[in-house]
Amino acid sequence: MPARIDLTGYSDSELSLHVFNDEYLYRQRHKNSLGETLDQLYIYTPEQYQELLQDLEDDLQADL
């Protein structure tokens, strides 16, 4: 398994930027397994995860 990418030195938006700008992650963004996938790929802060959750919620609302 490749090494996880450490995002902890970046802004709170960094995890969300990865999800919304990577084709595979973007397609997975509303699946229950996204968190598990992110845990395998990245090291991130609770604040980065919370911002991602908010961005995902906003994304769902925009689709309505």
Protein backbone atom coordinates (compact mmCIF):
# COMPACT_ATOMS: atom_id res chain seq x y z
CA MET A 1 0.00 0.00 0.00
CA PRO A 2 1.38 3.45 -0.89
CA ALA A 3 2.20 5.90 1.86
CA ARG A 4 -0.62 8.16 3.00
CA ILE A 5 -0.38 11.81 2.00
CA ASP A 6 -0.09 14.15 4.98
CA LEU A 7 -2.47 17.09 4.56
CA THR A 8 -2.16 18.36 8.12
CA GLY A 9 0.19 21.21 7.19
CA TYR A 10 -2.31 22.70 4.77
CA SER A 11 -5.48 24.76 5.13
CA ASP A 12 -8.77 23.39 6.39
CA SER A 13 -9.93 23.30 2.75
CA GLU A 14 -7.24 20.90 1.55
CA LEU A 15 -9.08 17.60 2.05
CA SER A 16 -12.17 18.98 0.36
CA LEU A 17 -10.05 20.24 -2.53
CA HIS A 18 -8.67 16.74 -3.03
CA VAL A 19 -12.12 15.15 -2.99
CA PHE A 20 -13.70 17.64 -5.37
CA ASN A 21 -10.71 17.72 -7.78
CA ASP A 22 -9.88 14.02 -8.04
CA GLU A 23 -12.15 12.16 -10.46
CA TYR A 24 -12.27 8.92 -8.43
CA LEU A 25 -12.92 10.66 -5.11
CA TYR A 26 -15.45 13.00 -6.70
CA ARG A 27 -17.47 10.01 -7.91
CA GLN A 28 -17.26 8.49 -4.42
CA ARG A 29 -18.14 11.70 -2.57
CA HIS A 30 -21.63 10.67 -1.47
CA LYS A 31 -20.93 7.01 -0.76
CA ASN A 32 -20.71 5.62 2.76
CA SER A 33 -17.23 4.24 2.04
CA LEU A 34 -15.68 7.68 1.36
CA GLY A 35 -14.34 8.06 4.91
CA GLU A 36 -12.68 4.66 4.75
CA THR A 37 -11.10 5.54 1.39
CA LEU A 38 -9.85 8.88 2.73
CA ASP A 39 -8.33 7.17 5.79
CA GLN A 40 -6.33 4.93 3.44
CA LEU A 41 -5.11 7.81 1.29
CA TYR A 42 -4.59 10.78 3.60
CA ILE A 43 -3.62 11.99 7.05
CA TYR A 44 -5.87 14.95 7.83
CA THR A 45 -7.05 17.08 10.73
CA PRO A 46 -10.51 17.01 12.31
CA GLU A 47 -11.02 20.54 10.99
CA GLN A 48 -10.25 19.44 7.44
CA TYR A 49 -12.72 16.58 7.79
CA GLN A 50 -15.42 18.87 9.19
CA GLU A 51 -14.97 21.30 6.30
CA LEU A 52 -15.27 18.40 3.85
CA LEU A 53 -18.50 17.26 5.53
CA GLN A 54 -19.92 20.78 5.21
CA ASP A 55 -18.87 20.99 1.58
CA LEU A 56 -20.50 17.62 0.87
CA GLU A 57 -23.70 18.79 2.56
CA ASP A 58 -23.64 22.00 0.50
CA ASP A 59 -23.09 19.89 -2.63
CA LEU A 60 -26.14 17.77 -1.84
CA GLN A 61 -28.26 20.87 -1.26
CA ALA A 62 -27.15 22.35 -4.59
CA ASP A 63 -28.45 19.24 -6.35
CA LEU A 64 -31.97 19.74 -4.96
